[in-house]
Amino acid sequence: MHRIDKDTSGLLVVAKTEEAMAHLSLQFANKTSEREYVAIVWGNVKEDSGTVEGNIGRHPKNRLQNTVFFGDDEDKGKPAVTHYSVLERLGYVTLLSCKLETGRTHQIRVHMKHIGHTLFNDERYGGEKVLKGTTFTKYKQFVDNCFKVLPRQALHAKTLGFVHPTTGEFMRFDSEIPEDMQQCIEKWKVYSKHQEL
């Protein structure tokens, strides 16, 4: 029902019956469910909050990727909306909260890349390279060390909320940021503090 990408940590929901599946599917379609992710993205996101709207579909040249269609192609793909807010700016990366209004494959990853803030260490979308920062060897070594600590895209499904299909009760679940991602965040906090001195 609520799936997460390979190498994304966090919450998911599985329906045990067809009735539950239909009920939950309707909530996701009607945008009454709550889905919040935490992401580390490359670059300093200037706005404190924002919304990315853009149809998402299969990339015409790379079948392993999705892309945002705009301009003459904006009628391709499926509508997708992601709301984001800055949790913390950490030098050359930013910690974001991302809330989904829709649920397209790779939605957050594609939307963040579209606005110039690819997810940290997202190999599929180019975030596994040093995208922001300096050319100093020590900085590259620092980033490589962060990649080793967090050997996957920096994305965590933190909150999931929905109405229980049988009881009608609204249920909300929260998942703590996992250790690998937390260690990466701590490293960037220390690095950004040294940069301010």
C-alpha atoms as a PDB file:
ATOM      1  CA  MET A   1       0.000   0.000   0.000  1.00  0.00           C
ATOM      2  CA  HIS A   2       2.536   2.593   1.142  1.00  0.00           C
ATOM      3  CA  ARG A   3       5.736   1.462  -0.523  1.00  0.00           C
ATOM      4  CA  ILE A   4       9.181   2.913  -0.151  1.00  0.00           C
ATOM      5  CA  ASP A   5      12.040   2.859  -2.634  1.00  0.00           C
ATOM      6  CA  LYS A   6      14.889   0.394  -2.345  1.00  0.00           C
ATOM      7  CA  ASP A   7      17.505   1.827   0.043  1.00  0.00           C
ATOM      8  CA  THR A   8      14.993   4.198   1.656  1.00  0.00           C
ATOM      9  CA  SER A   9      14.429   3.559   5.350  1.00  0.00           C
ATOM     10  CA  GLY A  10      11.252   3.976   7.374  1.00  0.00           C
ATOM     11  CA  LEU A  11       7.582   3.125   7.551  1.00  0.00           C
ATOM     12  CA  LEU A  12       5.364   1.249   5.144  1.00  0.00           C
ATOM     13  CA  VAL A  13       1.868  -0.226   5.366  1.00  0.00           C
ATOM     14  CA  VAL A  14       0.655  -3.563   4.036  1.00  0.00           C
ATOM     15  CA  ALA A  15      -3.047  -4.442   3.661  1.00  0.00           C
ATOM     16  CA  LYS A  16      -3.967  -7.946   4.845  1.00  0.00           C
ATOM     17  CA  THR A  17      -7.357  -8.100   3.120  1.00  0.00           C
ATOM     18  CA  GLU A  18      -8.858  -6.827  -0.136  1.00  0.00           C
ATOM     19  CA  GLU A  19     -11.312  -4.661   1.828  1.00  0.00           C
ATOM     20  CA  ALA A  20      -8.475  -3.031   3.756  1.00  0.00           C
ATOM     21  CA  MET A  21      -6.563  -2.498   0.530  1.00  0.00           C
ATOM     22  CA  ALA A  22      -9.529  -0.773  -1.122  1.00  0.00           C
ATOM     23  CA  HIS A  23     -10.080   1.438   1.952  1.00  0.00           C
ATOM     24  CA  LEU A  24      -6.423   2.456   2.198  1.00  0.00           C
ATOM     25  CA  SER A  25      -6.095   2.981  -1.565  1.00  0.00           C
ATOM     26  CA  LEU A  26      -9.011   5.400  -1.427  1.00  0.00           C
ATOM     27  CA  GLN A  27      -7.322   7.392   1.339  1.00  0.00           C
ATOM     28  CA  PHE A  28      -4.106   7.690  -0.659  1.00  0.00           C
ATOM     29  CA  ALA A  29      -6.076   8.650  -3.797  1.00  0.00           C
ATOM     30  CA  ASN A  30      -8.155  11.237  -1.888  1.00  0.00           C
ATOM     31  CA  LYS A  31      -5.002  12.642  -0.241  1.00  0.00           C
ATOM     32  CA  THR A  32      -6.342  12.095   3.270  1.00  0.00           C
ATOM     33  CA  SER A  33      -3.355  10.057   4.435  1.00  0.00           C
ATOM     34  CA  GLU A  34      -0.298  11.645   6.013  1.00  0.00           C
ATOM     35  CA  ARG A  35       3.168  10.858   4.621  1.00  0.00           C
ATOM     36  CA  GLU A  36       6.252  12.704   5.792  1.00  0.00           C
ATOM     37  CA  TYR A  37       9.853  11.976   4.880  1.00  0.00           C
ATOM     38  CA  VAL A  38      13.159  13.384   6.080  1.00  0.00           C
ATOM     39  CA  ALA A  39      15.839  13.942   3.440  1.00  0.00           C
ATOM     40  CA  ILE A  40      19.366  15.284   3.201  1.00  0.00           C
ATOM     41  CA  VAL A  41      19.789  17.165  -0.069  1.00  0.00           C
ATOM     42  CA  TRP A  42      22.779  18.754  -1.748  1.00  0.00           C
ATOM     43  CA  GLY A  43      23.030  22.533  -1.534  1.00  0.00           C
ATOM     44  CA  ASN A  44      21.664  25.291   0.642  1.00  0.00           C
ATOM     45  CA  VAL A  45      17.889  25.400   0.109  1.00  0.00           C
ATOM     46  CA  LYS A  46      17.203  29.141   0.305  1.00  0.00           C
ATOM     47  CA  GLU A  47      13.435  29.139   0.894  1.00  0.00           C
ATOM     48  CA  ASP A  48      12.279  27.973   4.333  1.00  0.00           C
ATOM     49  CA  SER A  49       9.457  26.064   2.663  1.00  0.00           C
ATOM     50  CA  GLY A  50       8.029  25.454  -0.765  1.00  0.00           C
ATOM     51  CA  THR A  51       6.027  23.217  -3.059  1.00  0.00           C
ATOM     52  CA  VAL A  52       7.233  21.357  -6.130  1.00  0.00           C
ATOM     53  CA  GLU A  53       4.539  20.569  -8.695  1.00  0.00           C
ATOM     54  CA  GLY A  54       5.344  18.738 -11.878  1.00  0.00           C
ATOM     55  CA  ASN A  55       4.218  15.678 -13.764  1.00  0.00           C
ATOM     56  CA  ILE A  56       6.495  12.693 -13.200  1.00  0.00           C
ATOM     57  CA  GLY A  57       7.061   9.889 -15.681  1.00  0.00           C
ATOM     58  CA  ARG A  58       9.703   7.574 -17.095  1.00  0.00           C
ATOM     59  CA  HIS A  59      12.794   9.391 -18.366  1.00  0.00           C
ATOM     60  CA  PRO A  60      12.829   9.170 -22.197  1.00  0.00           C
ATOM     61  CA  LYS A  61      16.579   8.413 -22.366  1.00  0.00           C
ATOM     62  CA  ASN A  62      17.229   6.545 -19.109  1.00  0.00           C
ATOM     63  CA  ARG A  63      14.614   3.889 -18.312  1.00  0.00           C
ATOM     64  CA  LEU A  64      15.970   3.482 -14.754  1.00  0.00           C
ATOM     65  CA  GLN A  65      15.071   7.072 -13.897  1.00  0.00           C
ATOM     66  CA  ASN A  66      11.927   9.140 -13.707  1.00  0.00           C
ATOM     67  CA  THR A  67      11.837  12.815 -14.610  1.00  0.00           C
ATOM     68  CA  VAL A  68       9.667  15.925 -14.340  1.00  0.00           C
ATOM     69  CA  PHE A  69       7.954  16.906 -17.585  1.00  0.00           C
ATOM     70  CA  PHE A  70       7.469  20.615 -18.285  1.00  0.00           C
ATOM     71  CA  GLY A  71       7.131  23.047 -21.181  1.00  0.00           C
ATOM     72  CA  ASP A  72       5.902  21.318 -24.343  1.00  0.00           C
ATOM     73  CA  ASP A  73       5.952  17.943 -22.546  1.00  0.00           C
ATOM     74  CA  GLU A  74       4.045  18.970 -19.403  1.00  0.00           C
ATOM     75  CA  ASP A  75       1.049  16.813 -20.386  1.00  0.00           C
ATOM     76  CA  LYS A  76       3.209  13.662 -20.111  1.00  0.00           C
ATOM     77  CA  GLY A  77       3.594  11.670 -16.900  1.00  0.00           C
ATOM     78  CA  LYS A  78       1.300  11.837 -13.879  1.00  0.00           C
ATOM     79  CA  PRO A  79       0.625  14.852 -11.635  1.00  0.00           C
ATOM     80  CA  ALA A  80       2.850  14.991  -8.554  1.00  0.00           C
ATOM     81  CA  VAL A  81       3.036  17.449  -5.642  1.00  0.00           C
ATOM     82  CA  THR A  82       5.697  17.561  -2.911  1.00  0.00           C
ATOM     83  CA  HIS A  83       5.713  20.096  -0.046  1.00  0.00           C
ATOM     84  CA  TYR A  84       9.033  20.682   1.683  1.00  0.00           C
ATOM     85  CA  SER A  85      10.324  22.679   4.637  1.00  0.00           C
ATOM     86  CA  VAL A  86      13.846  23.243   5.892  1.00  0.00           C
ATOM     87  CA  LEU A  87      14.672  21.529   9.180  1.00  0.00           C
ATOM     88  CA  GLU A  88      18.325  22.607   9.242  1.00  0.00           C
ATOM     89  CA  ARG A  89      20.928  24.072   6.902  1.00  0.00           C
ATOM     90  CA  LEU A  90      24.251  22.279   7.282  1.00  0.00           C
ATOM     91  CA  GLY A  91      26.770  24.035   5.072  1.00  0.00           C
ATOM     92  CA  TYR A  92      26.704  22.369   1.664  1.00  0.00           C
ATOM     93  CA  VAL A  93      23.672  20.186   2.443  1.00  0.00           C
ATOM     94  CA  THR A  94      20.187  20.841   3.853  1.00  0.00           C
ATOM     95  CA  LEU A  95      17.997  18.646   6.061  1.00  0.00           C
ATOM     96  CA  LEU A  96      14.402  18.740   4.783  1.00  0.00           C
ATOM     97  CA  SER A  97      10.961  17.537   5.777  1.00  0.00           C
ATOM     98  CA  CYS A  98       9.040  16.437   2.662  1.00  0.00           C
ATOM     99  CA  LYS A  99       5.294  15.808   2.684  1.00  0.00           C
ATOM    100  CA  LEU A 100       3.666  13.975  -0.187  1.00  0.00           C
ATOM    101  CA  GLU A 101       0.370  15.059  -1.668  1.00  0.00           C
ATOM    102  CA  THR A 102       0.710  12.351  -4.330  1.00  0.00           C
ATOM    103  CA  GLY A 103       2.720   9.139  -4.381  1.00  0.00           C
ATOM    104  CA  ARG A 104       4.667   8.695  -7.606  1.00  0.00           C
ATOM    105  CA  THR A 105       7.673   6.403  -7.946  1.00  0.00           C
ATOM    106  CA  HIS A 106      10.830   8.237  -6.779  1.00  0.00           C
ATOM    107  CA  GLN A 107       8.711  11.379  -6.297  1.00  0.00           C
ATOM    108  CA  ILE A 108      10.838  13.162  -3.687  1.00  0.00           C
ATOM    109  CA  ARG A 109      14.069  12.133  -5.398  1.00  0.00           C
ATOM    110  CA  VAL A 110      12.863  13.413  -8.787  1.00  0.00           C
ATOM    111  CA  HIS A 111      11.301  16.639  -7.483  1.00  0.00           C
ATOM    112  CA  MET A 112      14.371  17.553  -5.423  1.00  0.00           C
ATOM    113  CA  LYS A 113      16.667  16.961  -8.392  1.00  0.00           C
ATOM    114  CA  HIS A 114      14.315  19.080 -10.519  1.00  0.00           C
ATOM    115  CA  ILE A 115      14.786  22.100  -8.214  1.00  0.00           C
ATOM    116  CA  GLY A 116      18.569  21.609  -8.095  1.00  0.00           C
ATOM    117  CA  HIS A 117      18.827  19.794  -4.756  1.00  0.00           C
ATOM    118  CA  THR A 118      19.555  16.140  -5.518  1.00  0.00           C
ATOM    119  CA  LEU A 119      19.374  13.792  -2.537  1.00  0.00           C
ATOM    120  CA  PHE A 120      22.697  13.157  -0.834  1.00  0.00           C
ATOM    121  CA  ASN A 121      24.260   9.881  -2.051  1.00  0.00           C
ATOM    122  CA  ASP A 122      21.370   9.118  -4.428  1.00  0.00           C
ATOM    123  CA  GLU A 123      23.280   7.052  -6.977  1.00  0.00           C
ATOM    124  CA  ARG A 124      20.388   6.748  -9.416  1.00  0.00           C
ATOM    125  CA  TYR A 125      19.941  10.516  -9.723  1.00  0.00           C
ATOM    126  CA  GLY A 126      23.573  11.677  -9.491  1.00  0.00           C
ATOM    127  CA  GLY A 127      23.810  12.490  -5.779  1.00  0.00           C
ATOM    128  CA  GLU A 128      26.687  10.073  -5.141  1.00  0.00           C
ATOM    129  CA  LYS A 129      29.180  12.685  -6.402  1.00  0.00           C
ATOM    130  CA  VAL A 130      30.350  15.855  -4.666  1.00  0.00           C
ATOM    131  CA  LEU A 131      27.754  18.280  -6.045  1.00  0.00           C
ATOM    132  CA  LYS A 132      28.341  21.275  -3.765  1.00  0.00           C
ATOM    133  CA  GLY A 133      31.279  22.532  -1.763  1.00  0.00           C
ATOM    134  CA  THR A 134      34.970  23.067  -2.345  1.00  0.00           C
ATOM    135  CA  THR A 135      37.579  21.341  -4.463  1.00  0.00           C
ATOM    136  CA  PHE A 136      39.897  20.779  -1.504  1.00  0.00           C
ATOM    137  CA  THR A 137      41.062  17.191  -1.021  1.00  0.00           C
ATOM    138  CA  LYS A 138      40.098  17.240   2.677  1.00  0.00           C
ATOM    139  CA  TYR A 139      36.533  18.197   1.787  1.00  0.00           C
ATOM    140  CA  LYS A 140      36.284  15.370  -0.762  1.00  0.00           C
ATOM    141  CA  GLN A 141      37.624  12.960   1.879  1.00  0.00           C
ATOM    142  CA  PHE A 142      35.016  14.250   4.343  1.00  0.00           C
ATOM    143  CA  VAL A 143      32.184  13.688   1.826  1.00  0.00           C
ATOM    144  CA  ASP A 144      33.509  10.208   0.939  1.00  0.00           C
ATOM    145  CA  ASN A 145      33.478   9.400   4.649  1.00  0.00           C
ATOM    146  CA  CYS A 146      29.838  10.556   4.863  1.00  0.00           C
ATOM    147  CA  PHE A 147      29.013   8.312   1.881  1.00  0.00           C
ATOM    148  CA  LYS A 148      30.564   5.360   3.751  1.00  0.00           C
ATOM    149  CA  VAL A 149      28.548   6.124   6.889  1.00  0.00           C
ATOM    150  CA  LEU A 150      25.340   6.426   4.815  1.00  0.00           C
ATOM    151  CA  PRO A 151      25.796   4.076   1.813  1.00  0.00           C
ATOM    152  CA  ARG A 152      22.351   4.826   0.311  1.00  0.00           C
ATOM    153  CA  GLN A 153      20.180   7.778  -0.612  1.00  0.00           C
ATOM    154  CA  ALA A 154      19.514  10.041   2.371  1.00  0.00           C
ATOM    155  CA  LEU A 155      15.749   9.478   2.587  1.00  0.00           C
ATOM    156  CA  HIS A 156      13.666   8.223   5.518  1.00  0.00           C
ATOM    157  CA  ALA A 157       9.879   7.648   5.661  1.00  0.00           C
ATOM    158  CA  LYS A 158       9.365   9.220   9.097  1.00  0.00           C
ATOM    159  CA  THR A 159       5.600   9.590   9.554  1.00  0.00           C
ATOM    160  CA  LEU A 160       2.623   7.654   8.240  1.00  0.00           C
ATOM    161  CA  GLY A 161      -0.979   8.442   9.156  1.00  0.00           C
ATOM    162  CA  PHE A 162      -4.263   6.950   7.935  1.00  0.00           C
ATOM    163  CA  VAL A 163      -7.749   5.941   9.074  1.00  0.00           C
ATOM    164  CA  HIS A 164      -7.897   2.299  10.176  1.00  0.00           C
ATOM    165  CA  PRO A 165     -10.066   0.429   7.628  1.00  0.00           C
ATOM    166  CA  THR A 166     -12.016  -1.479  10.306  1.00  0.00           C
ATOM    167  CA  THR A 167     -12.189   0.739  13.418  1.00  0.00           C
ATOM    168  CA  GLY A 168     -12.361   4.124  11.659  1.00  0.00           C
ATOM    169  CA  GLU A 169      -9.739   5.441  14.081  1.00  0.00           C
ATOM    170  CA  PHE A 170      -7.023   7.751  12.739  1.00  0.00           C
ATOM    171  CA  MET A 171      -3.656   6.142  13.332  1.00  0.00           C
ATOM    172  CA  ARG A 172      -0.323   7.944  13.177  1.00  0.00           C
ATOM    173  CA  PHE A 173       3.051   6.235  13.289  1.00  0.00           C
ATOM    174  CA  ASP A 174       6.478   7.836  13.654  1.00  0.00           C
ATOM    175  CA  SER A 175       9.858   6.278  12.975  1.00  0.00           C
ATOM    176  CA  GLU A 176      13.098   7.713  14.337  1.00  0.00           C
ATOM    177  CA  ILE A 177      15.815   8.648  11.880  1.00  0.00           C
ATOM    178  CA  PRO A 178      18.034   5.545  11.604  1.00  0.00           C
ATOM    179  CA  GLU A 179      21.572   5.482  12.940  1.00  0.00           C
ATOM    180  CA  ASP A 180      23.344   5.666   9.553  1.00  0.00           C
ATOM    181  CA  MET A 181      21.456   8.804   8.541  1.00  0.00           C
ATOM    182  CA  GLN A 182      21.768  10.348  12.012  1.00  0.00           C
ATOM    183  CA  GLN A 183      25.546   9.827  11.962  1.00  0.00           C
ATOM    184  CA  CYS A 184      25.734  11.532   8.571  1.00  0.00           C
ATOM    185  CA  ILE A 185      23.686  14.486   9.889  1.00  0.00           C
ATOM    186  CA  GLU A 186      25.976  14.792  12.930  1.00  0.00           C
ATOM    187  CA  LYS A 187      29.071  14.828  10.695  1.00  0.00           C
ATOM    188  CA  TRP A 188      27.586  17.653   8.609  1.00  0.00           C
ATOM    189  CA  LYS A 189      26.649  19.585  11.781  1.00  0.00           C
ATOM    190  CA  VAL A 190      30.246  19.459  13.001  1.00  0.00           C
ATOM    191  CA  TYR A 191      31.577  20.368   9.547  1.00  0.00           C
ATOM    192  CA  SER A 192      29.214  23.328   9.107  1.00  0.00           C
ATOM    193  CA  LYS A 193      30.075  24.698  12.583  1.00  0.00           C
ATOM    194  CA  HIS A 194      33.788  24.674  11.672  1.00  0.00           C
ATOM    195  CA  GLN A 195      32.970  26.508   8.437  1.00  0.00           C
ATOM    196  CA  GLU A 196      31.256  29.296  10.413  1.00  0.00           C
ATOM    197  CA  LEU A 197      34.384  29.991  12.519  1.00  0.00           C
END
